[in-house]
Amino acid sequence: MSLRYALLALLRVGPLSGYDLQKQFSQSVGHVWHAPDSQIYPELRKMELDGLIEGEEQTRGLRGVRRVYHVTDAGNRSYLDWMESPLDYQRVRDPAHLRAAYLEAASPEAARRFLRGHIAQWEGELEQWQGELTHIEALSNPMLVRRLEVTPAADHARTIAFKRFTYEGLVERARGEIAWARQGLKLVDDLER
């Protein structure tokens, strides 16, 4: 259900076509909530049926038409109600930690390959999220710029602070995963001796 609220968060900044919404999603919300196009477009249709958004056909070029979505009053209320309600935490599904729990069945070299791969994955995430922090500080993140354009000036510092807070948490998560995998490499070495 969080996909719905992620989409509403983006649309509250201003109307977007499905294509533009998908693009904005991958550049912002997608860092904390993954959803492929195959989930976004059906959710937009459901949201429209539920009266949370309204689609409007717009002419594009000589023959093209695109559907642009706007948040309705009901969609705005639903979003604000969600923001005020307690979060429904989901049980964790973590394939890396599941595999780590059974590494005794792997050869030491396979365990090392897995842990090095985990480090490489999270180093990539770390670099991306540090880059986002740089964009936030420089006010060069396109979605943040759009959000600030529709946010009262008195709330700009608050908006920027929460974006920074989010990415600082993601940076810490990446550093934790890297440290955990390095500890695993040391464990493999210790057990092999």
N, C-alpha and C. Protein backbone atom coordinates (compact mmCIF):
# COMPACT_ATOMS: atom_id res chain seq x y z
N MET A 1 0.81 -1.19 0.00
CA MET A 1 0.00 0.00 0.00
C MET A 1 0.86 1.27 0.00
N SER A 2 2.13 1.18 0.41
CA SER A 2 2.98 2.36 0.44
C SER A 2 3.24 2.93 -0.94
N LEU A 3 3.15 2.11 -1.99
CA LEU A 3 3.33 2.61 -3.35
C LEU A 3 2.34 3.73 -3.62
N ARG A 4 1.11 3.54 -3.21
CA ARG A 4 0.06 4.54 -3.40
C ARG A 4 0.48 5.89 -2.80
N TYR A 5 1.01 5.84 -1.60
CA TYR A 5 1.37 7.09 -0.92
C TYR A 5 2.64 7.70 -1.50
N ALA A 6 3.53 6.87 -2.00
CA ALA A 6 4.72 7.40 -2.68
C ALA A 6 4.29 8.15 -3.94
N LEU A 7 3.34 7.59 -4.67
CA LEU A 7 2.84 8.24 -5.88
C LEU A 7 2.10 9.54 -5.54
N LEU A 8 1.30 9.50 -4.48
CA LEU A 8 0.60 10.71 -4.05
C LEU A 8 1.59 11.80 -3.65
N ALA A 9 2.67 11.41 -2.95
CA ALA A 9 3.69 12.38 -2.54
C ALA A 9 4.26 13.10 -3.76
N LEU A 10 4.53 12.36 -4.82
CA LEU A 10 5.08 12.97 -6.03
C LEU A 10 4.05 13.86 -6.73
N LEU A 11 2.82 13.38 -6.79
CA LEU A 11 1.78 14.14 -7.49
C LEU A 11 1.33 15.38 -6.73
N ARG A 12 1.55 15.40 -5.42
CA ARG A 12 1.19 16.59 -4.65
C ARG A 12 2.06 17.78 -5.02
N VAL A 13 3.21 17.52 -5.62
CA VAL A 13 4.10 18.59 -6.07
C VAL A 13 3.52 19.26 -7.32
N GLY A 14 2.82 18.48 -8.12
CA GLY A 14 2.22 19.01 -9.34
C GLY A 14 1.84 17.88 -10.28
N PRO A 15 0.98 18.15 -11.25
CA PRO A 15 0.52 17.12 -12.19
C PRO A 15 1.67 16.52 -12.99
N LEU A 16 1.56 15.23 -13.23
CA LEU A 16 2.56 14.52 -14.02
C LEU A 16 1.87 13.46 -14.87
N SER A 17 2.45 13.17 -16.02
CA SER A 17 1.99 12.04 -16.83
C SER A 17 2.53 10.77 -16.19
N GLY A 18 1.99 9.65 -16.59
CA GLY A 18 2.48 8.37 -16.07
C GLY A 18 3.96 8.20 -16.35
N TYR A 19 4.39 8.58 -17.56
CA TYR A 19 5.80 8.46 -17.92
C TYR A 19 6.67 9.36 -17.04
N ASP A 20 6.26 10.63 -16.89
CA ASP A 20 7.02 11.56 -16.05
C ASP A 20 7.02 11.13 -14.60
N LEU A 21 5.90 10.60 -14.16
CA LEU A 21 5.80 10.12 -12.78
C LEU A 21 6.75 8.95 -12.54
N GLN A 22 6.79 8.03 -13.48
CA GLN A 22 7.70 6.88 -13.37
C GLN A 22 9.14 7.35 -13.34
N LYS A 23 9.48 8.34 -14.16
CA LYS A 23 10.84 8.88 -14.20
C LYS A 23 11.19 9.57 -12.87
N GLN A 24 10.28 10.40 -12.36
CA GLN A 24 10.50 11.07 -11.07
C GLN A 24 10.61 10.04 -9.95
N PHE A 25 9.79 9.00 -10.04
CA PHE A 25 9.79 7.95 -9.03
C PHE A 25 11.17 7.33 -8.92
N SER A 26 11.74 6.95 -10.05
CA SER A 26 13.04 6.28 -10.02
C SER A 26 14.16 7.20 -9.55
N GLN A 27 13.98 8.53 -9.73
CA GLN A 27 15.02 9.47 -9.33
C GLN A 27 14.89 9.97 -7.90
N SER A 28 13.80 9.64 -7.23
CA SER A 28 13.63 10.14 -5.86
C SER A 28 13.08 9.04 -4.95
N VAL A 29 11.79 8.83 -4.99
CA VAL A 29 11.15 7.86 -4.11
C VAL A 29 11.73 6.46 -4.31
N GLY A 30 12.15 6.17 -5.53
CA GLY A 30 12.71 4.86 -5.84
C GLY A 30 13.93 4.50 -5.01
N HIS A 31 14.57 5.48 -4.39
CA HIS A 31 15.71 5.19 -3.53
C HIS A 31 15.28 4.54 -2.22
N VAL A 32 14.01 4.73 -1.84
CA VAL A 32 13.54 4.14 -0.58
C VAL A 32 12.37 3.18 -0.79
N TRP A 33 11.78 3.16 -1.99
CA TRP A 33 10.67 2.25 -2.26
C TRP A 33 10.74 1.83 -3.71
N HIS A 34 11.16 0.60 -3.96
CA HIS A 34 11.31 0.11 -5.32
C HIS A 34 9.94 -0.31 -5.87
N ALA A 35 9.66 0.13 -7.08
CA ALA A 35 8.45 -0.31 -7.78
C ALA A 35 8.71 -0.24 -9.28
N PRO A 36 8.57 -1.36 -9.98
CA PRO A 36 8.75 -1.33 -11.43
C PRO A 36 7.53 -0.69 -12.11
N ASP A 37 7.71 -0.31 -13.37
CA ASP A 37 6.60 0.27 -14.15
C ASP A 37 5.37 -0.63 -14.10
N SER A 38 5.60 -1.94 -14.09
CA SER A 38 4.48 -2.89 -14.11
C SER A 38 3.62 -2.79 -12.85
N GLN A 39 4.12 -2.13 -11.80
CA GLN A 39 3.31 -1.89 -10.60
C GLN A 39 2.77 -0.46 -10.58
N ILE A 40 3.52 0.48 -11.13
CA ILE A 40 3.12 1.90 -11.06
C ILE A 40 1.86 2.16 -11.87
N TYR A 41 1.82 1.72 -13.11
CA TYR A 41 0.68 2.04 -13.96
C TYR A 41 -0.63 1.41 -13.46
N PRO A 42 -0.63 0.13 -13.05
CA PRO A 42 -1.88 -0.42 -12.48
C PRO A 42 -2.31 0.32 -11.20
N GLU A 43 -1.33 0.75 -10.39
CA GLU A 43 -1.69 1.47 -9.16
C GLU A 43 -2.31 2.82 -9.50
N LEU A 44 -1.81 3.49 -10.52
CA LEU A 44 -2.42 4.76 -10.95
C LEU A 44 -3.88 4.54 -11.36
N ARG A 45 -4.15 3.46 -12.07
CA ARG A 45 -5.53 3.17 -12.48
C ARG A 45 -6.41 2.92 -11.25
N LYS A 46 -5.90 2.16 -10.28
CA LYS A 46 -6.67 1.90 -9.04
C LYS A 46 -6.92 3.20 -8.28
N MET A 47 -5.89 4.04 -8.20
CA MET A 47 -6.02 5.30 -7.48
C MET A 47 -7.07 6.20 -8.14
N GLU A 48 -7.11 6.15 -9.47
CA GLU A 48 -8.11 6.95 -10.18
C GLU A 48 -9.50 6.40 -9.91
N LEU A 49 -9.66 5.09 -9.94
CA LEU A 49 -10.95 4.48 -9.62
C LEU A 49 -11.39 4.79 -8.19
N ASP A 50 -10.42 4.88 -7.28
CA ASP A 50 -10.72 5.18 -5.88
C ASP A 50 -10.93 6.67 -5.63
N GLY A 51 -10.78 7.49 -6.66
CA GLY A 51 -11.02 8.92 -6.54
C GLY A 51 -9.89 9.70 -5.89
N LEU A 52 -8.69 9.08 -5.79
CA LEU A 52 -7.56 9.76 -5.16
C LEU A 52 -6.82 10.67 -6.13
N ILE A 53 -6.89 10.32 -7.40
CA ILE A 53 -6.27 11.14 -8.45
C ILE A 53 -7.26 11.23 -9.60
N GLU A 54 -7.02 12.22 -10.43
CA GLU A 54 -7.86 12.40 -11.61
C GLU A 54 -6.95 12.52 -12.81
N GLY A 55 -7.26 11.77 -13.85
CA GLY A 55 -6.47 11.82 -15.07
C GLY A 55 -7.13 12.73 -16.09
N GLU A 56 -6.30 13.41 -16.84
CA GLU A 56 -6.79 14.33 -17.87
C GLU A 56 -5.98 14.09 -19.14
N GLU A 57 -6.67 13.90 -20.24
CA GLU A 57 -6.00 13.68 -21.52
C GLU A 57 -5.46 15.02 -22.03
N GLN A 58 -4.19 15.05 -22.44
CA GLN A 58 -3.59 16.25 -23.01
C GLN A 58 -3.00 15.91 -24.37
N THR A 59 -3.22 16.80 -25.31
CA THR A 59 -2.67 16.61 -26.65
C THR A 59 -1.17 16.83 -26.59
N ARG A 60 -0.47 15.98 -27.31
CA ARG A 60 0.99 16.07 -27.36
C ARG A 60 1.41 15.92 -28.81
N GLY A 61 1.89 16.99 -29.38
CA GLY A 61 2.27 16.94 -30.78
C GLY A 61 1.03 16.91 -31.66
N LEU A 62 1.20 16.41 -32.87
CA LEU A 62 0.08 16.38 -33.82
C LEU A 62 -0.89 15.24 -33.55
N ARG A 63 -0.39 14.10 -33.16
CA ARG A 63 -1.27 12.95 -32.99
C ARG A 63 -1.26 12.37 -31.59
N GLY A 64 -0.27 12.73 -30.83
CA GLY A 64 -0.10 12.10 -29.52
C GLY A 64 -1.03 12.65 -28.45
N VAL A 65 -1.34 11.79 -27.52
CA VAL A 65 -2.14 12.16 -26.35
C VAL A 65 -1.47 11.51 -25.15
N ARG A 66 -1.40 12.24 -24.06
CA ARG A 66 -0.88 11.65 -22.84
C ARG A 66 -1.86 11.95 -21.71
N ARG A 67 -1.83 11.11 -20.71
CA ARG A 67 -2.72 11.27 -19.56
C ARG A 67 -1.90 11.90 -18.43
N VAL A 68 -2.38 13.02 -17.93
CA VAL A 68 -1.71 13.73 -16.84
C VAL A 68 -2.58 13.59 -15.61
N TYR A 69 -1.93 13.24 -14.48
CA TYR A 69 -2.67 12.98 -13.24
C TYR A 69 -2.54 14.13 -12.26
N HIS A 70 -3.64 14.43 -11.58
CA HIS A 70 -3.71 15.45 -10.53
C HIS A 70 -4.22 14.78 -9.26
N VAL A 71 -3.77 15.23 -8.12
CA VAL A 71 -4.29 14.73 -6.84
C VAL A 71 -5.62 15.41 -6.57
N THR A 72 -6.62 14.63 -6.17
CA THR A 72 -7.93 15.17 -5.79
C THR A 72 -7.91 15.56 -4.31
N ASP A 73 -8.96 16.22 -3.87
CA ASP A 73 -9.08 16.54 -2.44
C ASP A 73 -9.08 15.26 -1.61
N ALA A 74 -9.76 14.22 -2.11
CA ALA A 74 -9.79 12.95 -1.40
C ALA A 74 -8.39 12.33 -1.34
N GLY A 75 -7.63 12.46 -2.42
CA GLY A 75 -6.27 11.94 -2.44
C GLY A 75 -5.38 12.69 -1.46
N ASN A 76 -5.54 13.99 -1.39
CA ASN A 76 -4.76 14.80 -0.46
C ASN A 76 -5.10 14.42 0.99
N ARG A 77 -6.41 14.25 1.28
CA ARG A 77 -6.82 13.84 2.64
C ARG A 77 -6.26 12.46 2.98
N SER A 78 -6.32 11.54 2.02
CA SER A 78 -5.81 10.19 2.24
C SER A 78 -4.31 10.23 2.55
N TYR A 79 -3.57 11.03 1.79
CA TYR A 79 -2.14 11.16 2.00
C TYR A 79 -1.84 11.73 3.39
N LEU A 80 -2.53 12.81 3.75
CA LEU A 80 -2.30 13.44 5.06
C LEU A 80 -2.71 12.52 6.21
N ASP A 81 -3.79 11.75 6.03
CA ASP A 81 -4.18 10.76 7.05
C ASP A 81 -3.09 9.71 7.21
N TRP A 82 -2.51 9.26 6.10
CA TRP A 82 -1.43 8.28 6.15
C TRP A 82 -0.22 8.84 6.89
N MET A 83 0.11 10.10 6.62
CA MET A 83 1.26 10.72 7.28
C MET A 83 1.05 10.84 8.79
N GLU A 84 -0.19 10.99 9.23
CA GLU A 84 -0.49 11.15 10.66
C GLU A 84 -0.70 9.82 11.38
N SER A 85 -0.87 8.73 10.64
CA SER A 85 -1.16 7.43 11.26
C SER A 85 0.13 6.68 11.61
N PRO A 86 0.03 5.76 12.58
CA PRO A 86 1.21 4.94 12.91
C PRO A 86 1.62 4.10 11.70
N LEU A 87 2.90 3.89 11.55
CA LEU A 87 3.41 3.09 10.43
C LEU A 87 3.17 1.61 10.69
N ASP A 88 2.71 0.91 9.68
CA ASP A 88 2.50 -0.53 9.77
C ASP A 88 3.78 -1.21 9.27
N TYR A 89 4.64 -1.56 10.21
CA TYR A 89 5.92 -2.18 9.83
C TYR A 89 5.69 -3.59 9.31
N GLN A 90 6.42 -3.92 8.26
CA GLN A 90 6.33 -5.24 7.65
C GLN A 90 7.51 -6.09 8.12
N ARG A 91 7.30 -7.39 8.13
CA ARG A 91 8.39 -8.29 8.47
C ARG A 91 9.47 -8.19 7.40
N VAL A 92 10.71 -8.31 7.82
CA VAL A 92 11.85 -8.17 6.92
C VAL A 92 11.99 -9.40 6.03
N ARG A 93 12.28 -9.18 4.77
CA ARG A 93 12.66 -10.23 3.83
C ARG A 93 14.02 -9.82 3.31
N ASP A 94 15.05 -10.44 3.81
CA ASP A 94 16.41 -10.03 3.47
C ASP A 94 17.18 -11.24 2.95
N PRO A 95 17.30 -11.37 1.62
CA PRO A 95 17.95 -12.55 1.05
C PRO A 95 19.42 -12.67 1.44
N ALA A 96 20.11 -11.54 1.62
CA ALA A 96 21.53 -11.61 1.97
C ALA A 96 21.72 -12.16 3.38
N HIS A 97 20.94 -11.70 4.31
CA HIS A 97 21.08 -12.19 5.68
C HIS A 97 20.55 -13.62 5.81
N LEU A 98 19.57 -13.97 5.00
CA LEU A 98 19.11 -15.37 4.96
C LEU A 98 20.24 -16.27 4.50
N ARG A 99 20.90 -15.88 3.41
CA ARG A 99 22.01 -16.69 2.92
C ARG A 99 23.12 -16.77 3.95
N ALA A 100 23.43 -15.65 4.60
CA ALA A 100 24.51 -15.63 5.59
C ALA A 100 24.23 -16.60 6.74
N ALA A 101 22.97 -16.77 7.06
CA ALA A 101 22.62 -17.68 8.16
C ALA A 101 22.98 -19.13 7.86
N TYR A 102 23.19 -19.45 6.57
CA TYR A 102 23.47 -20.83 6.17
C TYR A 102 24.78 -20.96 5.40
N LEU A 103 25.69 -20.02 5.59
CA LEU A 103 26.95 -20.06 4.85
C LEU A 103 27.81 -21.27 5.20
N GLU A 104 27.50 -21.98 6.27
CA GLU A 104 28.28 -23.17 6.58
C GLU A 104 28.17 -24.22 5.47
N ALA A 105 27.11 -24.12 4.64
CA ALA A 105 26.93 -25.07 3.54
C ALA A 105 27.73 -24.67 2.30
N ALA A 106 28.31 -23.48 2.31
CA ALA A 106 29.08 -23.00 1.16
C ALA A 106 30.57 -23.22 1.40
N SER A 107 31.31 -23.34 0.33
CA SER A 107 32.75 -23.40 0.47
C SER A 107 33.25 -22.05 0.96
N PRO A 108 34.42 -22.00 1.58
CA PRO A 108 34.95 -20.71 2.02
C PRO A 108 35.06 -19.71 0.86
N GLU A 109 35.46 -20.19 -0.32
CA GLU A 109 35.59 -19.26 -1.45
C GLU A 109 34.22 -18.75 -1.90
N ALA A 110 33.20 -19.59 -1.90
CA ALA A 110 31.85 -19.14 -2.26
C ALA A 110 31.33 -18.13 -1.23
N ALA A 111 31.63 -18.38 0.04
CA ALA A 111 31.23 -17.45 1.09
C ALA A 111 31.91 -16.09 0.89
N ARG A 112 33.20 -16.15 0.57
CA ARG A 112 33.93 -14.90 0.32
C ARG A 112 33.36 -14.16 -0.89
N ARG A 113 33.06 -14.89 -1.98
CA ARG A 113 32.48 -14.28 -3.18
C ARG A 113 31.16 -13.59 -2.84
N PHE A 114 30.33 -14.28 -2.08
CA PHE A 114 29.05 -13.71 -1.67
C PHE A 114 29.28 -12.42 -0.86
N LEU A 115 30.17 -12.46 0.12
CA LEU A 115 30.40 -11.30 0.99
C LEU A 115 31.05 -10.15 0.23
N ARG A 116 31.96 -10.46 -0.67
CA ARG A 116 32.56 -9.40 -1.50
C ARG A 116 31.51 -8.77 -2.42
N GLY A 117 30.63 -9.60 -2.95
CA GLY A 117 29.53 -9.09 -3.79
C GLY A 117 28.61 -8.19 -2.99
N HIS A 118 28.36 -8.57 -1.74
CA HIS A 118 27.52 -7.76 -0.85
C HIS A 118 28.18 -6.40 -0.61
N ILE A 119 29.47 -6.43 -0.36
CA ILE A 119 30.21 -5.17 -0.15
C ILE A 119 30.11 -4.30 -1.41
N ALA A 120 30.34 -4.89 -2.58
CA ALA A 120 30.29 -4.12 -3.83
C ALA A 120 28.89 -3.51 -4.04
N GLN A 121 27.86 -4.29 -3.77
CA GLN A 121 26.48 -3.79 -3.92
C GLN A 121 26.26 -2.58 -3.03
N TRP A 122 26.65 -2.70 -1.77
CA TRP A 122 26.38 -1.62 -0.82
C TRP A 122 27.33 -0.44 -0.99
N GLU A 123 28.53 -0.68 -1.54
CA GLU A 123 29.39 0.46 -1.87
C GLU A 123 28.75 1.29 -2.98
N GLY A 124 28.11 0.61 -3.94
CA GLY A 124 27.38 1.32 -5.00
C GLY A 124 26.23 2.14 -4.43
N GLU A 125 25.48 1.53 -3.50
CA GLU A 125 24.37 2.25 -2.85
C GLU A 125 24.91 3.44 -2.07
N LEU A 126 25.99 3.22 -1.35
CA LEU A 126 26.60 4.29 -0.55
C LEU A 126 26.99 5.47 -1.44
N GLU A 127 27.62 5.17 -2.56
CA GLU A 127 28.04 6.24 -3.48
C GLU A 127 26.82 7.00 -4.01
N GLN A 128 25.78 6.26 -4.38
CA GLN A 128 24.57 6.91 -4.90
C GLN A 128 23.93 7.81 -3.85
N TRP A 129 23.82 7.32 -2.62
CA TRP A 129 23.15 8.09 -1.57
C TRP A 129 23.99 9.28 -1.12
N GLN A 130 25.31 9.12 -1.11
CA GLN A 130 26.16 10.27 -0.82
C GLN A 130 26.02 11.33 -1.92
N GLY A 131 25.87 10.86 -3.15
CA GLY A 131 25.63 11.78 -4.26
C GLY A 131 24.32 12.53 -4.10
N GLU A 132 23.30 11.84 -3.62
CA GLU A 132 22.01 12.51 -3.38
C GLU A 132 22.15 13.56 -2.29
N LEU A 133 22.93 13.26 -1.26
CA LEU A 133 23.17 14.27 -0.22
C LEU A 133 23.85 15.50 -0.81
N THR A 134 24.78 15.29 -1.71
CA THR A 134 25.45 16.41 -2.38
C THR A 134 24.44 17.23 -3.17
N HIS A 135 23.52 16.55 -3.89
CA HIS A 135 22.49 17.26 -4.66
C HIS A 135 21.53 18.02 -3.74
N ILE A 136 21.23 17.44 -2.58
CA ILE A 136 20.35 18.13 -1.63
C ILE A 136 21.02 19.40 -1.13
N GLU A 137 22.27 19.29 -0.76
CA GLU A 137 23.00 20.46 -0.26
C GLU A 137 23.12 21.55 -1.32
N ALA A 138 23.32 21.14 -2.57
CA ALA A 138 23.48 22.10 -3.66
C ALA A 138 22.14 22.55 -4.26
N LEU A 139 21.05 21.97 -3.73
CA LEU A 139 19.71 22.21 -4.27
C LEU A 139 19.66 21.94 -5.77
N SER A 140 20.31 20.83 -6.18
CA SER A 140 20.35 20.47 -7.59
C SER A 140 19.57 19.18 -7.88
N ASN A 141 18.85 18.66 -6.89
CA ASN A 141 17.99 17.51 -7.11
C ASN A 141 16.69 18.01 -7.74
N PRO A 142 16.36 17.56 -8.96
CA PRO A 142 15.19 18.12 -9.67
C PRO A 142 13.88 17.99 -8.90
N MET A 143 13.66 16.85 -8.24
CA MET A 143 12.40 16.67 -7.51
C MET A 143 12.36 17.59 -6.29
N LEU A 144 13.48 17.77 -5.62
CA LEU A 144 13.52 18.67 -4.48
C LEU A 144 13.26 20.11 -4.94
N VAL A 145 13.82 20.49 -6.07
CA VAL A 145 13.59 21.83 -6.61
C VAL A 145 12.10 22.02 -6.90
N ARG A 146 11.47 21.01 -7.52
CA ARG A 146 10.02 21.09 -7.80
C ARG A 146 9.23 21.21 -6.51
N ARG A 147 9.61 20.42 -5.51
CA ARG A 147 8.90 20.44 -4.22
C ARG A 147 9.03 21.82 -3.58
N LEU A 148 10.22 22.38 -3.61
CA LEU A 148 10.42 23.70 -2.99
C LEU A 148 9.63 24.79 -3.72
N GLU A 149 9.43 24.63 -5.02
CA GLU A 149 8.66 25.62 -5.78
C GLU A 149 7.21 25.72 -5.30
N VAL A 150 6.67 24.63 -4.77
CA VAL A 150 5.27 24.63 -4.31
C VAL A 150 5.17 24.65 -2.78
N THR A 151 6.30 24.82 -2.11
CA THR A 151 6.35 24.86 -0.65
C THR A 151 6.56 26.30 -0.20
N PRO A 152 5.80 26.74 0.81
CA PRO A 152 6.04 28.09 1.32
C PRO A 152 7.50 28.26 1.75
N ALA A 153 8.06 29.43 1.49
CA ALA A 153 9.47 29.70 1.79
C ALA A 153 9.80 29.42 3.24
N ALA A 154 8.86 29.65 4.14
CA ALA A 154 9.09 29.41 5.57
C ALA A 154 9.33 27.93 5.88
N ASP A 155 8.90 27.05 4.98
CA ASP A 155 9.05 25.60 5.20
C ASP A 155 10.20 24.99 4.41
N HIS A 156 10.95 25.79 3.66
CA HIS A 156 12.04 25.26 2.84
C HIS A 156 13.09 24.54 3.69
N ALA A 157 13.54 25.16 4.77
CA ALA A 157 14.59 24.55 5.59
C ALA A 157 14.11 23.21 6.16
N ARG A 158 12.87 23.15 6.56
CA ARG A 158 12.29 21.90 7.11
C ARG A 158 12.25 20.81 6.04
N THR A 159 11.82 21.17 4.84
CA THR A 159 11.75 20.22 3.73
C THR A 159 13.14 19.67 3.41
N ILE A 160 14.11 20.56 3.30
CA ILE A 160 15.49 20.14 3.00
C ILE A 160 16.05 19.28 4.12
N ALA A 161 15.76 19.65 5.36
CA ALA A 161 16.28 18.90 6.51
C ALA A 161 15.77 17.46 6.52
N PHE A 162 14.49 17.26 6.20
CA PHE A 162 13.96 15.89 6.20
C PHE A 162 14.49 15.08 5.02
N LYS A 163 14.73 15.72 3.90
CA LYS A 163 15.35 15.00 2.77
C LYS A 163 16.77 14.58 3.17
N ARG A 164 17.51 15.50 3.76
CA ARG A 164 18.88 15.20 4.21
C ARG A 164 18.84 14.06 5.23
N PHE A 165 17.95 14.15 6.20
CA PHE A 165 17.79 13.13 7.24
C PHE A 165 17.57 11.74 6.63
N THR A 166 16.72 11.68 5.61
CA THR A 166 16.42 10.40 4.96
C THR A 166 17.67 9.80 4.33
N TYR A 167 18.40 10.60 3.57
CA TYR A 167 19.58 10.07 2.89
C TYR A 167 20.73 9.81 3.84
N GLU A 168 20.82 10.55 4.92
CA GLU A 168 21.84 10.24 5.94
C GLU A 168 21.56 8.87 6.55
N GLY A 169 20.28 8.54 6.74
CA GLY A 169 19.92 7.21 7.23
C GLY A 169 20.30 6.12 6.25
N LEU A 170 20.08 6.39 4.97
CA LEU A 170 20.45 5.40 3.94
C LEU A 170 21.96 5.23 3.87
N VAL A 171 22.71 6.31 4.03
CA VAL A 171 24.18 6.23 4.04
C VAL A 171 24.62 5.36 5.21
N GLU A 172 24.03 5.57 6.37
CA GLU A 172 24.39 4.77 7.55
C GLU A 172 24.03 3.30 7.35
N ARG A 173 22.89 3.03 6.72
CA ARG A 173 22.50 1.64 6.44
C ARG A 173 23.55 0.98 5.54
N ALA A 174 23.97 1.69 4.49
CA ALA A 174 24.98 1.14 3.57
C ALA A 174 26.28 0.87 4.31
N ARG A 175 26.71 1.82 5.12
CA ARG A 175 27.96 1.62 5.88
C ARG A 175 27.83 0.42 6.82
N GLY A 176 26.67 0.24 7.42
CA GLY A 176 26.45 -0.90 8.30
C GLY A 176 26.52 -2.23 7.55
N GLU A 177 25.93 -2.28 6.36
CA GLU A 177 25.97 -3.51 5.56
C GLU A 177 27.39 -3.83 5.11
N ILE A 178 28.15 -2.80 4.75
CA ILE A 178 29.54 -3.00 4.35
C ILE A 178 30.36 -3.53 5.53
N ALA A 179 30.19 -2.92 6.69
CA ALA A 179 30.92 -3.36 7.89
C ALA A 179 30.53 -4.79 8.25
N TRP A 180 29.25 -5.13 8.14
CA TRP A 180 28.77 -6.48 8.45
C TRP A 180 29.43 -7.51 7.53
N ALA A 181 29.48 -7.21 6.23
CA ALA A 181 30.08 -8.14 5.27
C ALA A 181 31.59 -8.26 5.49
N ARG A 182 32.24 -7.19 5.84
CA ARG A 182 33.68 -7.27 6.15
C ARG A 182 33.91 -8.13 7.38
N GLN A 183 33.04 -8.01 8.35
CA GLN A 183 33.11 -8.87 9.54
C GLN A 183 32.91 -10.33 9.14
N GLY A 184 32.03 -10.56 8.18
CA GLY A 184 31.80 -11.92 7.67
C GLY A 184 33.04 -12.48 6.99
N LEU A 185 33.74 -11.64 6.22
CA LEU A 185 34.98 -12.09 5.58
C LEU A 185 36.01 -12.50 6.62
N LYS A 186 36.10 -11.73 7.69
CA LYS A 186 37.04 -12.06 8.77
C LYS A 186 36.62 -13.39 9.44
N LEU A 187 35.30 -13.57 9.61
CA LEU A 187 34.80 -14.81 10.20
C LEU A 187 35.16 -16.01 9.34
N VAL A 188 35.00 -15.89 8.02
CA VAL A 188 35.35 -16.99 7.11
C VAL A 188 36.84 -17.32 7.27
N ASP A 189 37.67 -16.29 7.30
CA ASP A 189 39.12 -16.52 7.47
C ASP A 189 39.41 -17.19 8.81
N ASP A 190 38.80 -16.72 9.89
CA ASP A 190 39.01 -17.29 11.20
C ASP A 190 38.59 -18.75 11.28
N LEU A 191 37.44 -19.06 10.67
CA LEU A 191 36.91 -20.45 10.70
C LEU A 191 37.74 -21.39 9.84
N GLU A 192 38.37 -20.85 8.80
CA GLU A 192 39.15 -21.68 7.90
C GLU A 192 40.48 -22.06 8.52
N ARG A 193 40.97 -21.28 9.47
CA ARG A 193 42.27 -21.56 10.08
C ARG A 193 42.24 -22.78 10.96
